[in-house]
Amino acid sequence: MKKGISVIICTYNGKQLLPETLRHLSKQKFNIPYEIILVDNASTDGTKVFVDNWWSDHGNTAIKYTSYSQPIPGKSYAQEMGYAKAEYEYLLVCDDDNWLCDTYVQTAFDVMETDASIGALGGWCDAEFEAEKPVWFDKYSRFFAVSRQGDISGDITNKKGCLFGAGMIVRKSHWKELEQLGFEQQLSCRKGNSLSSGGDTEHSYALRLLGYKIWFDERLYFKHYMTSKRMTLNYVSRLRKAMVHSNFLLLPYHGFFNNNIQTKQSLKRFAITQLKKQWKRKLYHLILGDFDKKEDAKTFFRMNYYRYFKYSIYEASKSSILKWKP
């Protein structure tokens, strides 16, 4: 595989966001092969044509730029197209609202070159706000993937154990390895305006099952642009609701990591135990608590609902993993 960095940008109706993202990419300091691949994921606002024209007028001619259209909604489908088209071994996922620091691409390459056992590499970010920063944002910033993913640079496989997709670097050879094994991603990430998520976590978990490390490097810094329409507590509530389904579907991965695969009976027993211990307090919080307590209570009841009634989702996820797991 050719050594270099392929930056994959997947976007849905992102033409208002992309000029600033591309400015940061065009100003990277690098001495390695480096390309940008834009994948338009069923946009309805003319994003691809707009961005192609923008790059033609303002882009860095030292960086190869290509763009493609993926008509199937779902970020994972767009990413797979980008991975397939990528020329280089290291694949850097840059969302259309990520502003990478000017050494990000070079540092990512250097870190991946130091250790062939690194399966996925990530950094950290701050939020950049379109309007005034909400007073509640710091408390819920993790739901917007705004956080440090480690305390110090190094192996976080057995700590956080996964990476958020923004700014994540993986290897094309590993992607091909998963593909050859028959890996099929169950979580497609965002589809249009929906808040489904978890594809980045699933990719991290799949790499762990292959024996690769999840790595954090504090030099990989970027800003995550926060549009005003997302800065509401209702949006936080919708994010948390979507995460319950994703987290439940990913439970079998934890079972394989810990050699503790659940049965229908064990999931039901756990749900009953949790409800017996906490249902009164959680119900009180659901009715009379503040926003935080209400949301925690919703997550509690939703997850235990899945444990008790939705074993079929767990079983299907486990079966999917077993089809390819070495």
C-alpha atoms as a PDB file:
ATOM      1  CA  MET A   1       0.000   0.000   0.000  1.00  0.00           C
ATOM      2  CA  LYS A   2       1.348   3.453  -0.907  1.00  0.00           C
ATOM      3  CA  LYS A   3       2.438   5.496   2.094  1.00  0.00           C
ATOM      4  CA  GLY A   4       0.663   8.805   2.522  1.00  0.00           C
ATOM      5  CA  ILE A   5      -2.518  10.349   3.934  1.00  0.00           C
ATOM      6  CA  SER A   6      -5.932  10.287   2.276  1.00  0.00           C
ATOM      7  CA  VAL A   7      -8.321  12.698   3.983  1.00  0.00           C
ATOM      8  CA  ILE A   8     -11.911  11.497   3.612  1.00  0.00           C
ATOM      9  CA  ILE A   9     -14.656  14.119   3.953  1.00  0.00           C
ATOM     10  CA  CYS A  10     -18.213  12.777   3.967  1.00  0.00           C
ATOM     11  CA  THR A  11     -20.906  15.415   3.764  1.00  0.00           C
ATOM     12  CA  TYR A  12     -24.644  15.866   3.557  1.00  0.00           C
ATOM     13  CA  ASN A  13     -25.769  19.366   2.581  1.00  0.00           C
ATOM     14  CA  GLY A  14     -22.506  20.743   3.921  1.00  0.00           C
ATOM     15  CA  LYS A  15     -21.662  23.471   1.429  1.00  0.00           C
ATOM     16  CA  GLN A  16     -21.986  26.237   4.027  1.00  0.00           C
ATOM     17  CA  LEU A  17     -19.546  24.468   6.342  1.00  0.00           C
ATOM     18  CA  LEU A  18     -16.957  23.135   3.935  1.00  0.00           C
ATOM     19  CA  PRO A  19     -15.049  26.271   2.837  1.00  0.00           C
ATOM     20  CA  GLU A  20     -13.578  26.793   6.320  1.00  0.00           C
ATOM     21  CA  THR A  21     -12.866  23.071   6.721  1.00  0.00           C
ATOM     22  CA  LEU A  22     -11.041  23.044   3.381  1.00  0.00           C
ATOM     23  CA  ARG A  23      -9.090  26.202   4.227  1.00  0.00           C
ATOM     24  CA  HIS A  24      -7.618  24.419   7.224  1.00  0.00           C
ATOM     25  CA  LEU A  25      -6.808  21.364   5.122  1.00  0.00           C
ATOM     26  CA  SER A  26      -5.181  23.479   2.417  1.00  0.00           C
ATOM     27  CA  LYS A  27      -2.903  25.150   5.002  1.00  0.00           C
ATOM     28  CA  GLN A  28      -1.448  21.907   6.370  1.00  0.00           C
ATOM     29  CA  LYS A  29       2.332  21.734   6.808  1.00  0.00           C
ATOM     30  CA  PHE A  30       3.407  18.452   5.254  1.00  0.00           C
ATOM     31  CA  ASN A  31       6.195  16.703   3.414  1.00  0.00           C
ATOM     32  CA  ILE A  32       4.326  13.502   2.585  1.00  0.00           C
ATOM     33  CA  PRO A  33       1.910  12.409  -0.158  1.00  0.00           C
ATOM     34  CA  TYR A  34      -1.501  13.851   0.776  1.00  0.00           C
ATOM     35  CA  GLU A  35      -4.873  13.905  -0.957  1.00  0.00           C
ATOM     36  CA  ILE A  36      -8.411  15.042  -0.143  1.00  0.00           C
ATOM     37  CA  ILE A  37     -11.423  12.948  -1.148  1.00  0.00           C
ATOM     38  CA  LEU A  38     -14.890  14.490  -0.822  1.00  0.00           C
ATOM     39  CA  VAL A  39     -17.865  12.112  -0.809  1.00  0.00           C
ATOM     40  CA  ASP A  40     -21.246  13.797  -1.202  1.00  0.00           C
ATOM     41  CA  ASN A  41     -23.767  11.620   0.627  1.00  0.00           C
ATOM     42  CA  ALA A  42     -27.088  12.269  -1.138  1.00  0.00           C
ATOM     43  CA  SER A  43     -26.999  16.050  -0.622  1.00  0.00           C
ATOM     44  CA  THR A  44     -29.899  18.120  -1.923  1.00  0.00           C
ATOM     45  CA  ASP A  45     -28.227  21.544  -1.881  1.00  0.00           C
ATOM     46  CA  GLY A  46     -25.656  21.184  -4.663  1.00  0.00           C
ATOM     47  CA  THR A  47     -22.775  20.597  -2.265  1.00  0.00           C
ATOM     48  CA  LYS A  48     -20.523  18.666  -4.634  1.00  0.00           C
ATOM     49  CA  VAL A  49     -20.595  21.214  -7.476  1.00  0.00           C
ATOM     50  CA  PHE A  50     -20.157  24.076  -5.023  1.00  0.00           C
ATOM     51  CA  VAL A  51     -17.144  22.481  -3.338  1.00  0.00           C
ATOM     52  CA  ASP A  52     -15.541  21.416  -6.623  1.00  0.00           C
ATOM     53  CA  ASN A  53     -15.719  25.025  -7.785  1.00  0.00           C
ATOM     54  CA  TRP A  54     -14.457  26.350  -4.460  1.00  0.00           C
ATOM     55  CA  TRP A  55     -11.400  24.088  -4.543  1.00  0.00           C
ATOM     56  CA  SER A  56     -10.695  25.012  -8.142  1.00  0.00           C
ATOM     57  CA  ASP A  57     -10.644  28.690  -7.138  1.00  0.00           C
ATOM     58  CA  HIS A  58      -9.090  28.538  -3.653  1.00  0.00           C
ATOM     59  CA  GLY A  59      -7.513  25.114  -3.110  1.00  0.00           C
ATOM     60  CA  ASN A  60      -3.856  24.198  -2.636  1.00  0.00           C
ATOM     61  CA  THR A  61      -2.518  22.874  -5.941  1.00  0.00           C
ATOM     62  CA  ALA A  62       0.037  20.742  -4.045  1.00  0.00           C
ATOM     63  CA  ILE A  63      -2.833  18.626  -2.711  1.00  0.00           C
ATOM     64  CA  LYS A  64      -4.735  16.259  -4.961  1.00  0.00           C
ATOM     65  CA  TYR A  65      -8.505  16.782  -4.660  1.00  0.00           C
ATOM     66  CA  THR A  66     -11.209  14.472  -6.004  1.00  0.00           C
ATOM     67  CA  SER A  67     -14.926  14.199  -5.307  1.00  0.00           C
ATOM     68  CA  TYR A  68     -17.571  11.493  -5.629  1.00  0.00           C
ATOM     69  CA  SER A  69     -21.296  11.038  -5.076  1.00  0.00           C
ATOM     70  CA  GLN A  70     -22.717   8.307  -2.838  1.00  0.00           C
ATOM     71  CA  PRO A  71     -26.507   8.206  -3.318  1.00  0.00           C
ATOM     72  CA  ILE A  72     -27.115   5.712  -0.482  1.00  0.00           C
ATOM     73  CA  PRO A  73     -27.844   7.681   2.721  1.00  0.00           C
ATOM     74  CA  GLY A  74     -25.601   6.867   5.670  1.00  0.00           C
ATOM     75  CA  LYS A  75     -22.159   8.135   6.565  1.00  0.00           C
ATOM     76  CA  SER A  76     -20.661   4.627   6.673  1.00  0.00           C
ATOM     77  CA  TYR A  77     -21.596   4.089   3.012  1.00  0.00           C
ATOM     78  CA  ALA A  78     -19.936   7.368   2.094  1.00  0.00           C
ATOM     79  CA  GLN A  79     -16.847   6.473   4.131  1.00  0.00           C
ATOM     80  CA  GLU A  80     -16.558   3.083   2.461  1.00  0.00           C
ATOM     81  CA  MET A  81     -16.625   4.764  -0.934  1.00  0.00           C
ATOM     82  CA  GLY A  82     -13.934   7.180   0.223  1.00  0.00           C
ATOM     83  CA  TYR A  83     -11.815   4.336   1.573  1.00  0.00           C
ATOM     84  CA  ALA A  84     -12.144   2.426  -1.703  1.00  0.00           C
ATOM     85  CA  LYS A  85     -11.094   5.464  -3.756  1.00  0.00           C
ATOM     86  CA  ALA A  86      -8.194   6.388  -1.444  1.00  0.00           C
ATOM     87  CA  GLU A  87      -4.730   6.156  -2.916  1.00  0.00           C
ATOM     88  CA  TYR A  88      -2.823   5.958   0.367  1.00  0.00           C
ATOM     89  CA  GLU A  89      -2.518   3.633   3.366  1.00  0.00           C
ATOM     90  CA  TYR A  90      -3.567   6.090   6.072  1.00  0.00           C
ATOM     91  CA  LEU A  91      -7.196   7.199   5.980  1.00  0.00           C
ATOM     92  CA  LEU A  92      -8.053  10.341   7.942  1.00  0.00           C
ATOM     93  CA  VAL A  93     -11.742  10.974   8.556  1.00  0.00           C
ATOM     94  CA  CYS A  94     -12.454  14.714   8.595  1.00  0.00           C
ATOM     95  CA  ASP A  95     -16.066  15.743   9.114  1.00  0.00           C
ATOM     96  CA  ASP A  96     -17.346  18.727   7.185  1.00  0.00           C
ATOM     97  CA  ASP A  97     -17.300  20.822  10.380  1.00  0.00           C
ATOM     98  CA  ASN A  98     -13.776  19.899  11.592  1.00  0.00           C
ATOM     99  CA  TRP A  99     -10.962  22.471  11.480  1.00  0.00           C
ATOM    100  CA  LEU A 100      -7.692  20.548  11.793  1.00  0.00           C
ATOM    101  CA  CYS A 101      -4.583  22.208  13.254  1.00  0.00           C
ATOM    102  CA  ASP A 102      -1.925  22.824  10.602  1.00  0.00           C
ATOM    103  CA  THR A 103       0.284  19.906  11.712  1.00  0.00           C
ATOM    104  CA  TYR A 104      -2.534  17.350  11.985  1.00  0.00           C
ATOM    105  CA  VAL A 105      -1.931  15.487   8.717  1.00  0.00           C
ATOM    106  CA  GLN A 106       1.835  15.236   9.153  1.00  0.00           C
ATOM    107  CA  THR A 107       1.584  14.208  12.829  1.00  0.00           C
ATOM    108  CA  ALA A 108      -1.009  11.552  12.004  1.00  0.00           C
ATOM    109  CA  PHE A 109       1.315  10.080   9.389  1.00  0.00           C
ATOM    110  CA  ASP A 110       4.314  10.141  11.727  1.00  0.00           C
ATOM    111  CA  VAL A 111       2.464   8.420  14.592  1.00  0.00           C
ATOM    112  CA  MET A 112       1.027   5.664  12.400  1.00  0.00           C
ATOM    113  CA  GLU A 113       4.501   5.042  10.972  1.00  0.00           C
ATOM    114  CA  THR A 114       5.978   4.469  14.447  1.00  0.00           C
ATOM    115  CA  ASP A 115       3.871   1.423  15.387  1.00  0.00           C
ATOM    116  CA  ALA A 116       2.310  -1.031  12.935  1.00  0.00           C
ATOM    117  CA  SER A 117       0.030  -2.383  15.684  1.00  0.00           C
ATOM    118  CA  ILE A 118      -1.951   0.885  15.914  1.00  0.00           C
ATOM    119  CA  GLY A 119      -5.335   0.223  14.353  1.00  0.00           C
ATOM    120  CA  ALA A 120      -6.991   3.574  14.980  1.00  0.00           C
ATOM    121  CA  LEU A 121      -5.546   6.910  16.042  1.00  0.00           C
ATOM    122  CA  GLY A 122      -7.392   9.945  17.370  1.00  0.00           C
ATOM    123  CA  GLY A 123      -6.889  13.312  18.977  1.00  0.00           C
ATOM    124  CA  TRP A 124      -8.958  15.907  20.789  1.00  0.00           C
ATOM    125  CA  CYS A 125     -10.944  19.019  20.023  1.00  0.00           C
ATOM    126  CA  ASP A 126     -12.521  22.198  21.276  1.00  0.00           C
ATOM    127  CA  ALA A 127     -15.836  23.612  20.163  1.00  0.00           C
ATOM    128  CA  GLU A 128     -16.106  26.682  17.955  1.00  0.00           C
ATOM    129  CA  PHE A 129     -19.552  28.241  18.165  1.00  0.00           C
ATOM    130  CA  GLU A 130     -21.572  29.950  15.456  1.00  0.00           C
ATOM    131  CA  ALA A 131     -23.289  32.010  18.158  1.00  0.00           C
ATOM    132  CA  GLU A 132     -22.795  32.365  21.907  1.00  0.00           C
ATOM    133  CA  LYS A 133     -21.676  29.269  23.798  1.00  0.00           C
ATOM    134  CA  PRO A 134     -24.608  27.783  25.769  1.00  0.00           C
ATOM    135  CA  VAL A 135     -24.134  27.781  29.531  1.00  0.00           C
ATOM    136  CA  TRP A 136     -24.887  24.052  29.610  1.00  0.00           C
ATOM    137  CA  PHE A 137     -22.476  23.013  26.856  1.00  0.00           C
ATOM    138  CA  ASP A 138     -19.457  21.938  28.926  1.00  0.00           C
ATOM    139  CA  LYS A 139     -21.605  19.527  30.898  1.00  0.00           C
ATOM    140  CA  TYR A 140     -22.790  17.736  27.752  1.00  0.00           C
ATOM    141  CA  SER A 141     -19.857  18.356  25.418  1.00  0.00           C
ATOM    142  CA  ARG A 142     -19.019  14.638  25.264  1.00  0.00           C
ATOM    143  CA  PHE A 143     -22.263  14.012  23.373  1.00  0.00           C
ATOM    144  CA  PHE A 144     -20.938  16.343  20.655  1.00  0.00           C
ATOM    145  CA  ALA A 145     -17.589  14.496  20.506  1.00  0.00           C
ATOM    146  CA  VAL A 146     -15.869  17.490  22.092  1.00  0.00           C
ATOM    147  CA  SER A 147     -13.354  16.096  24.560  1.00  0.00           C
ATOM    148  CA  ARG A 148      -9.927  14.656  25.138  1.00  0.00           C
ATOM    149  CA  GLN A 149      -9.891  10.962  24.361  1.00  0.00           C
ATOM    150  CA  GLY A 150      -7.021  10.228  26.731  1.00  0.00           C
ATOM    151  CA  ASP A 151      -5.142  11.758  29.643  1.00  0.00           C
ATOM    152  CA  ILE A 152      -1.758  11.410  27.964  1.00  0.00           C
ATOM    153  CA  SER A 153      -0.634  10.294  24.526  1.00  0.00           C
ATOM    154  CA  GLY A 154      -0.515   6.544  24.129  1.00  0.00           C
ATOM    155  CA  ASP A 155      -2.500   3.313  24.106  1.00  0.00           C
ATOM    156  CA  ILE A 156      -6.153   3.702  25.171  1.00  0.00           C
ATOM    157  CA  THR A 157      -7.320   0.260  24.033  1.00  0.00           C
ATOM    158  CA  ASN A 158      -8.209  -0.835  27.553  1.00  0.00           C
ATOM    159  CA  LYS A 159      -9.261   2.630  28.749  1.00  0.00           C
ATOM    160  CA  LYS A 160     -11.648   4.503  26.477  1.00  0.00           C
ATOM    161  CA  GLY A 161     -11.322   1.665  23.988  1.00  0.00           C
ATOM    162  CA  CYS A 162     -12.772   3.488  20.984  1.00  0.00           C
ATOM    163  CA  LEU A 163     -12.544   6.780  19.125  1.00  0.00           C
ATOM    164  CA  PHE A 164     -15.051   9.256  17.836  1.00  0.00           C
ATOM    165  CA  GLY A 165     -15.009   9.377  14.065  1.00  0.00           C
ATOM    166  CA  ALA A 166     -14.032  13.036  13.730  1.00  0.00           C
ATOM    167  CA  GLY A 167     -10.315  13.213  13.110  1.00  0.00           C
ATOM    168  CA  MET A 168      -9.827   9.435  13.337  1.00  0.00           C
ATOM    169  CA  ILE A 169      -7.031   7.794  11.340  1.00  0.00           C
ATOM    170  CA  VAL A 170      -7.184   4.128  10.285  1.00  0.00           C
ATOM    171  CA  ARG A 171      -5.265   1.955   7.811  1.00  0.00           C
ATOM    172  CA  LYS A 172      -6.626   1.011   4.414  1.00  0.00           C
ATOM    173  CA  SER A 173      -4.937  -2.388   4.734  1.00  0.00           C
ATOM    174  CA  HIS A 174      -6.926  -3.039   7.929  1.00  0.00           C
ATOM    175  CA  TRP A 175     -10.137  -1.969   6.209  1.00  0.00           C
ATOM    176  CA  LYS A 176      -9.381  -4.426   3.419  1.00  0.00           C
ATOM    177  CA  GLU A 177      -8.617  -7.129   5.990  1.00  0.00           C
ATOM    178  CA  LEU A 178     -12.022  -6.609   7.606  1.00  0.00           C
ATOM    179  CA  GLU A 179     -13.680  -6.585   4.199  1.00  0.00           C
ATOM    180  CA  GLN A 180     -12.034  -9.871   3.230  1.00  0.00           C
ATOM    181  CA  LEU A 181     -13.157 -11.469   6.488  1.00  0.00           C
ATOM    182  CA  GLY A 182     -16.744 -10.496   5.670  1.00  0.00           C
ATOM    183  CA  PHE A 183     -17.165  -7.703   8.213  1.00  0.00           C
ATOM    184  CA  GLU A 184     -20.413  -5.809   7.704  1.00  0.00           C
ATOM    185  CA  GLN A 185     -20.889  -2.658   9.718  1.00  0.00           C
ATOM    186  CA  GLN A 186     -24.180  -2.729  11.602  1.00  0.00           C
ATOM    187  CA  LEU A 187     -24.240   0.946  12.545  1.00  0.00           C
ATOM    188  CA  SER A 188     -24.228   3.286   9.595  1.00  0.00           C
ATOM    189  CA  CYS A 189     -23.683   6.558  11.517  1.00  0.00           C
ATOM    190  CA  ARG A 190     -25.680   9.606  10.475  1.00  0.00           C
ATOM    191  CA  LYS A 191     -28.255   9.407   7.692  1.00  0.00           C
ATOM    192  CA  GLY A 192     -29.217  12.858   6.446  1.00  0.00           C
ATOM    193  CA  ASN A 193     -30.708  14.701   9.402  1.00  0.00           C
ATOM    194  CA  SER A 194     -31.166  11.609  11.587  1.00  0.00           C
ATOM    195  CA  LEU A 195     -29.060  11.206  14.718  1.00  0.00           C
ATOM    196  CA  SER A 196     -28.213   7.516  14.408  1.00  0.00           C
ATOM    197  CA  SER A 197     -24.589   6.989  15.383  1.00  0.00           C
ATOM    198  CA  GLY A 198     -21.961   4.524  16.525  1.00  0.00           C
ATOM    199  CA  GLY A 199     -20.236   3.479  13.318  1.00  0.00           C
ATOM    200  CA  ASP A 200     -16.930   4.944  14.502  1.00  0.00           C
ATOM    201  CA  THR A 201     -17.148   3.019  17.766  1.00  0.00           C
ATOM    202  CA  GLU A 202     -18.002  -0.185  15.932  1.00  0.00           C
ATOM    203  CA  HIS A 203     -14.994   0.258  13.634  1.00  0.00           C
ATOM    204  CA  SER A 204     -12.753   0.711  16.699  1.00  0.00           C
ATOM    205  CA  TYR A 205     -14.199  -2.414  18.306  1.00  0.00           C
ATOM    206  CA  ALA A 206     -13.762  -4.466  15.130  1.00  0.00           C
ATOM    207  CA  LEU A 207     -10.096  -3.460  14.970  1.00  0.00           C
ATOM    208  CA  ARG A 208      -9.669  -4.487  18.610  1.00  0.00           C
ATOM    209  CA  LEU A 209     -11.071  -7.931  17.843  1.00  0.00           C
ATOM    210  CA  LEU A 210      -8.361  -8.230  15.195  1.00  0.00           C
ATOM    211  CA  GLY A 211      -5.765  -7.458  17.853  1.00  0.00           C
ATOM    212  CA  TYR A 212      -4.956  -3.861  16.936  1.00  0.00           C
ATOM    213  CA  LYS A 213      -4.460  -0.955  19.339  1.00  0.00           C
ATOM    214  CA  ILE A 214      -6.563   2.168  19.787  1.00  0.00           C
ATOM    215  CA  TRP A 215      -4.251   5.153  20.230  1.00  0.00           C
ATOM    216  CA  PHE A 216      -4.516   8.778  21.377  1.00  0.00           C
ATOM    217  CA  ASP A 217      -2.052  11.559  20.597  1.00  0.00           C
ATOM    218  CA  GLU A 218      -2.504  14.973  22.210  1.00  0.00           C
ATOM    219  CA  ARG A 219      -0.764  16.724  19.294  1.00  0.00           C
ATOM    220  CA  LEU A 220      -3.760  15.919  17.094  1.00  0.00           C
ATOM    221  CA  TYR A 221      -5.961  18.929  17.820  1.00  0.00           C
ATOM    222  CA  PHE A 222      -8.885  20.400  15.926  1.00  0.00           C
ATOM    223  CA  LYS A 223     -11.938  22.576  16.377  1.00  0.00           C
ATOM    224  CA  HIS A 224     -15.463  21.255  15.952  1.00  0.00           C
ATOM    225  CA  TYR A 225     -17.776  23.939  14.582  1.00  0.00           C
ATOM    226  CA  MET A 226     -21.105  24.061  16.383  1.00  0.00           C
ATOM    227  CA  THR A 227     -24.014  25.479  14.407  1.00  0.00           C
ATOM    228  CA  SER A 228     -26.705  27.281  16.357  1.00  0.00           C
ATOM    229  CA  LYS A 229     -29.437  24.843  15.338  1.00  0.00           C
ATOM    230  CA  ARG A 230     -27.692  22.075  17.285  1.00  0.00           C
ATOM    231  CA  MET A 231     -27.194  24.125  20.434  1.00  0.00           C
ATOM    232  CA  THR A 232     -30.402  23.129  22.214  1.00  0.00           C
ATOM    233  CA  LEU A 233     -31.097  20.763  25.062  1.00  0.00           C
ATOM    234  CA  ASN A 234     -33.699  19.074  22.884  1.00  0.00           C
ATOM    235  CA  TYR A 235     -30.879  18.150  20.489  1.00  0.00           C
ATOM    236  CA  VAL A 236     -28.896  16.689  23.413  1.00  0.00           C
ATOM    237  CA  SER A 237     -31.952  14.641  24.367  1.00  0.00           C
ATOM    238  CA  ARG A 238     -32.300  13.304  20.827  1.00  0.00           C
ATOM    239  CA  LEU A 239     -28.602  12.404  20.719  1.00  0.00           C
ATOM    240  CA  ARG A 240     -28.857  10.471  23.961  1.00  0.00           C
ATOM    241  CA  LYS A 241     -31.926   8.589  22.775  1.00  0.00           C
ATOM    242  CA  ALA A 242     -30.139   7.508  19.582  1.00  0.00           C
ATOM    243  CA  MET A 243     -27.100   6.404  21.578  1.00  0.00           C
ATOM    244  CA  VAL A 244     -29.105   3.896  23.635  1.00  0.00           C
ATOM    245  CA  HIS A 245     -29.889   1.803  20.571  1.00  0.00           C
ATOM    246  CA  SER A 246     -26.294   1.998  19.348  1.00  0.00           C
ATOM    247  CA  ASN A 247     -24.827   1.090  22.727  1.00  0.00           C
ATOM    248  CA  PHE A 248     -27.131  -1.897  23.091  1.00  0.00           C
ATOM    249  CA  LEU A 249     -26.300  -3.173  19.617  1.00  0.00           C
ATOM    250  CA  LEU A 250     -22.585  -2.932  20.470  1.00  0.00           C
ATOM    251  CA  LEU A 251     -22.908  -4.900  23.735  1.00  0.00           C
ATOM    252  CA  PRO A 252     -21.810  -8.203  22.130  1.00  0.00           C
ATOM    253  CA  TYR A 253     -18.429  -6.651  21.340  1.00  0.00           C
ATOM    254  CA  HIS A 254     -17.910  -6.100  25.064  1.00  0.00           C
ATOM    255  CA  GLY A 255     -18.936  -9.696  25.607  1.00  0.00           C
ATOM    256  CA  PHE A 256     -16.209 -10.877  23.234  1.00  0.00           C
ATOM    257  CA  PHE A 257     -13.634  -8.559  24.843  1.00  0.00           C
ATOM    258  CA  ASN A 258     -14.455  -9.852  28.335  1.00  0.00           C
ATOM    259  CA  ASN A 259     -15.395 -13.432  27.422  1.00  0.00           C
ATOM    260  CA  ASN A 260     -18.865 -12.766  28.794  1.00  0.00           C
ATOM    261  CA  ILE A 261     -21.488 -13.212  26.075  1.00  0.00           C
ATOM    262  CA  GLN A 262     -25.001 -12.698  27.417  1.00  0.00           C
ATOM    263  CA  THR A 263     -28.007 -14.962  27.019  1.00  0.00           C
ATOM    264  CA  LYS A 264     -31.616 -13.884  26.805  1.00  0.00           C
ATOM    265  CA  GLN A 265     -32.083 -14.975  30.408  1.00  0.00           C
ATOM    266  CA  SER A 266     -29.003 -13.169  31.744  1.00  0.00           C
ATOM    267  CA  LEU A 267     -29.996  -9.901  30.064  1.00  0.00           C
ATOM    268  CA  LYS A 268     -33.497 -10.162  31.527  1.00  0.00           C
ATOM    269  CA  ARG A 269     -32.116 -10.938  34.986  1.00  0.00           C
ATOM    270  CA  PHE A 270     -29.843  -7.921  34.836  1.00  0.00           C
ATOM    271  CA  ALA A 271     -32.713  -5.663  33.765  1.00  0.00           C
ATOM    272  CA  ILE A 272     -34.931  -6.939  36.589  1.00  0.00           C
ATOM    273  CA  THR A 273     -32.150  -6.447  39.145  1.00  0.00           C
ATOM    274  CA  GLN A 274     -31.548  -2.889  37.972  1.00  0.00           C
ATOM    275  CA  LEU A 275     -35.242  -2.037  38.017  1.00  0.00           C
ATOM    276  CA  LYS A 276     -35.762  -3.499  41.501  1.00  0.00           C
ATOM    277  CA  LYS A 277     -32.906  -1.402  42.845  1.00  0.00           C
ATOM    278  CA  GLN A 278     -33.613   1.889  41.141  1.00  0.00           C
ATOM    279  CA  TRP A 279     -37.040   2.154  39.523  1.00  0.00           C
ATOM    280  CA  LYS A 280     -38.601   4.345  42.232  1.00  0.00           C
ATOM    281  CA  ARG A 281     -35.738   6.829  42.295  1.00  0.00           C
ATOM    282  CA  LYS A 282     -35.461   6.897  38.491  1.00  0.00           C
ATOM    283  CA  LEU A 283     -39.214   7.377  38.095  1.00  0.00           C
ATOM    284  CA  TYR A 284     -39.098  10.267  40.560  1.00  0.00           C
ATOM    285  CA  HIS A 285     -36.261  11.832  38.546  1.00  0.00           C
ATOM    286  CA  LEU A 286     -38.147  11.255  35.299  1.00  0.00           C
ATOM    287  CA  ILE A 287     -41.166  13.146  36.604  1.00  0.00           C
ATOM    288  CA  LEU A 288     -39.697  15.803  38.887  1.00  0.00           C
ATOM    289  CA  GLY A 289     -35.974  15.925  38.200  1.00  0.00           C
ATOM    290  CA  ASP A 290     -33.999  18.585  36.373  1.00  0.00           C
ATOM    291  CA  PHE A 291     -32.940  18.072  32.761  1.00  0.00           C
ATOM    292  CA  ASP A 292     -29.873  16.005  33.673  1.00  0.00           C
ATOM    293  CA  LYS A 293     -31.760  13.678  35.999  1.00  0.00           C
ATOM    294  CA  LYS A 294     -34.612  13.289  33.517  1.00  0.00           C
ATOM    295  CA  GLU A 295     -32.175  12.313  30.752  1.00  0.00           C
ATOM    296  CA  ASP A 296     -30.322   9.861  32.990  1.00  0.00           C
ATOM    297  CA  ALA A 297     -33.647   8.295  33.925  1.00  0.00           C
ATOM    298  CA  LYS A 298     -34.706   8.035  30.275  1.00  0.00           C
ATOM    299  CA  THR A 299     -31.434   6.275  29.447  1.00  0.00           C
ATOM    300  CA  PHE A 300     -31.894   3.919  32.395  1.00  0.00           C
ATOM    301  CA  PHE A 301     -35.419   2.874  31.395  1.00  0.00           C
ATOM    302  CA  ARG A 302     -34.616   2.665  27.677  1.00  0.00           C
ATOM    303  CA  MET A 303     -31.575   0.477  28.186  1.00  0.00           C
ATOM    304  CA  ASN A 304     -33.385  -1.879  30.509  1.00  0.00           C
ATOM    305  CA  TYR A 305     -36.278  -2.027  28.075  1.00  0.00           C
ATOM    306  CA  TYR A 306     -33.812  -3.194  25.434  1.00  0.00           C
ATOM    307  CA  ARG A 307     -32.295  -5.729  27.815  1.00  0.00           C
ATOM    308  CA  TYR A 308     -35.662  -7.220  28.700  1.00  0.00           C
ATOM    309  CA  PHE A 309     -37.545  -7.065  25.402  1.00  0.00           C
ATOM    310  CA  LYS A 310     -34.978  -6.723  22.598  1.00  0.00           C
ATOM    311  CA  TYR A 311     -32.716  -9.753  22.869  1.00  0.00           C
ATOM    312  CA  SER A 312     -33.247 -10.292  19.139  1.00  0.00           C
ATOM    313  CA  ILE A 313     -31.119  -7.177  18.470  1.00  0.00           C
ATOM    314  CA  TYR A 314     -28.348  -8.495  20.714  1.00  0.00           C
ATOM    315  CA  GLU A 315     -28.497 -11.941  19.103  1.00  0.00           C
ATOM    316  CA  ALA A 316     -28.414 -10.518  15.574  1.00  0.00           C
ATOM    317  CA  SER A 317     -25.415  -8.355  16.455  1.00  0.00           C
ATOM    318  CA  LYS A 318     -23.588 -11.302  18.039  1.00  0.00           C
ATOM    319  CA  SER A 319     -24.291 -13.475  14.992  1.00  0.00           C
ATOM    320  CA  SER A 320     -23.046 -10.764  12.652  1.00  0.00           C
ATOM    321  CA  ILE A 321     -19.751 -10.529  14.553  1.00  0.00           C
ATOM    322  CA  LEU A 322     -19.304 -14.307  14.630  1.00  0.00           C
ATOM    323  CA  LYS A 323     -19.499 -14.443  10.831  1.00  0.00           C
ATOM    324  CA  TRP A 324     -16.183 -12.621  10.506  1.00  0.00           C
ATOM    325  CA  LYS A 325     -14.477 -12.678  13.907  1.00  0.00           C
ATOM    326  CA  PRO A 326     -11.170 -14.621  13.667  1.00  0.00           C
END
